[in-house]
Amino acid sequence: MIGTSELAERLGTDKKNGLTTRLVIKKSAEYGYNEFQKNKAISWYHKLTGFFSLLLFTGASLCLIAFYYQDDSQDLFNFYLGILLSVISFTVGIHTCMQS
């Protein structure tokens, strides 16, 4: 393990005063500024139509289609499942949009 004095010497800085202005300009030109890169903006439509959301919407659609074509009109399982999958997918999409 190296000491702070040796580390400051390796990095070309001073423990009390830091880098000189000339060295800051030189290192900024060499390494760039110390800042985060901005992410590309993604539209709300693309956030709502991610792979998992598309799977949920497809499942909901298939449940509603199966409910429409089923013989037993008293069995509401497919209808409720289709509505539930739609609500879950929409809610997940809204939360994804709000977080970013």
Protein backbone atom coordinates (compact mmCIF):
# COMPACT_ATOMS: atom_id res chain seq x y z
CA MET A 1 0.00 0.00 0.00
CA ILE A 2 1.38 3.40 -0.91
CA GLY A 3 1.17 6.51 1.20
CA THR A 4 -0.63 9.71 0.32
CA SER A 5 2.59 11.57 -0.38
CA GLU A 6 3.74 8.97 -2.89
CA LEU A 7 0.30 8.88 -4.51
CA ALA A 8 0.24 12.67 -4.87
CA GLU A 9 3.70 12.52 -6.44
CA ARG A 10 2.59 9.83 -8.93
CA LEU A 11 -0.45 11.86 -9.95
CA GLY A 12 1.52 15.09 -10.21
CA THR A 13 -0.48 16.97 -7.59
CA ASP A 14 -0.01 18.57 -4.21
CA LYS A 15 -1.86 17.30 -1.10
CA LYS A 16 -2.73 20.80 0.08
CA ASN A 17 -3.19 22.83 -3.10
CA GLY A 18 -4.32 20.22 -5.64
CA LEU A 19 -3.53 20.49 -9.33
CA THR A 20 -2.08 23.59 -10.91
CA THR A 21 -4.17 25.44 -13.47
CA ARG A 22 -1.80 24.42 -16.25
CA LEU A 23 -2.07 20.75 -15.28
CA VAL A 24 -5.89 20.97 -15.08
CA ILE A 25 -6.04 22.34 -18.63
CA LYS A 26 -3.62 19.66 -19.85
CA LYS A 27 -5.54 16.80 -18.19
CA SER A 28 -8.91 18.18 -19.36
CA ALA A 29 -7.64 18.21 -22.93
CA GLU A 30 -6.27 14.69 -22.53
CA TYR A 31 -9.13 12.99 -20.63
CA GLY A 32 -12.10 15.29 -21.16
CA TYR A 33 -14.29 16.94 -18.56
CA ASN A 34 -15.41 15.09 -15.45
CA GLU A 35 -19.13 14.90 -16.21
CA PHE A 36 -21.76 12.30 -16.98
CA GLN A 37 -22.94 11.68 -20.51
CA LYS A 38 -26.59 12.39 -21.12
CA ASN A 39 -28.74 9.46 -22.11
CA LYS A 40 -30.69 9.49 -25.31
CA ALA A 41 -34.32 10.41 -24.70
CA ILE A 42 -36.72 7.51 -25.19
CA SER A 43 -40.32 8.30 -26.06
CA TRP A 44 -43.13 7.15 -23.80
CA TYR A 45 -44.43 4.93 -26.59
CA HIS A 46 -41.20 2.91 -26.68
CA LYS A 47 -41.27 2.55 -22.90
CA LEU A 48 -44.83 1.21 -23.00
CA THR A 49 -43.99 -1.25 -25.76
CA GLY A 50 -41.03 -3.04 -24.26
CA PHE A 51 -40.70 -6.79 -24.81
CA PHE A 52 -42.31 -7.78 -21.50
CA SER A 53 -45.15 -5.29 -21.95
CA LEU A 54 -45.83 -6.63 -25.43
CA LEU A 55 -45.98 -10.15 -24.01
CA LEU A 56 -48.50 -9.03 -21.40
CA PHE A 57 -50.62 -7.19 -23.96
CA THR A 58 -50.53 -10.25 -26.24
CA GLY A 59 -51.62 -12.48 -23.37
CA ALA A 60 -54.41 -10.07 -22.48
CA SER A 61 -55.58 -9.97 -26.09
CA LEU A 62 -55.58 -13.77 -26.34
CA CYS A 63 -57.56 -14.03 -23.10
CA LEU A 64 -60.17 -11.58 -24.36
CA ILE A 65 -60.38 -13.35 -27.73
CA ALA A 66 -60.80 -16.70 -25.94
CA PHE A 67 -63.55 -15.20 -23.78
CA TYR A 68 -65.38 -13.93 -26.87
CA TYR A 69 -65.31 -17.32 -28.61
CA GLN A 70 -65.95 -19.59 -25.62
CA ASP A 71 -69.17 -21.57 -25.40
CA ASP A 72 -69.83 -21.06 -21.69
CA SER A 73 -70.92 -17.44 -21.28
CA GLN A 74 -71.04 -17.79 -17.48
CA ASP A 75 -67.28 -18.48 -17.20
CA LEU A 76 -65.65 -15.07 -16.78
CA PHE A 77 -62.12 -16.30 -16.01
CA ASN A 78 -60.62 -15.32 -19.39
CA PHE A 79 -62.33 -11.92 -19.28
CA TYR A 80 -60.98 -11.11 -15.81
CA LEU A 81 -57.52 -12.40 -16.68
CA GLY A 82 -57.43 -10.29 -19.86
CA ILE A 83 -58.45 -7.17 -17.97
CA LEU A 84 -55.94 -7.89 -15.20
CA LEU A 85 -53.06 -8.39 -17.65
CA SER A 86 -53.98 -5.16 -19.45
CA VAL A 87 -54.06 -3.19 -16.19
CA ILE A 88 -50.76 -4.66 -15.01
CA SER A 89 -49.03 -3.93 -18.31
CA PHE A 90 -50.35 -0.38 -18.44
CA THR A 91 -49.39 0.27 -14.79
CA VAL A 92 -45.85 -1.05 -15.31
CA GLY A 93 -45.50 1.16 -18.39
CA ILE A 94 -46.70 4.25 -16.52
CA HIS A 95 -44.27 3.61 -13.65
CA THR A 96 -41.44 3.12 -16.15
CA CYS A 97 -42.24 6.48 -17.74
CA MET A 98 -42.44 8.21 -14.37
CA GLN A 99 -39.09 6.83 -13.17
CA SER A 100 -37.10 8.19 -16.08
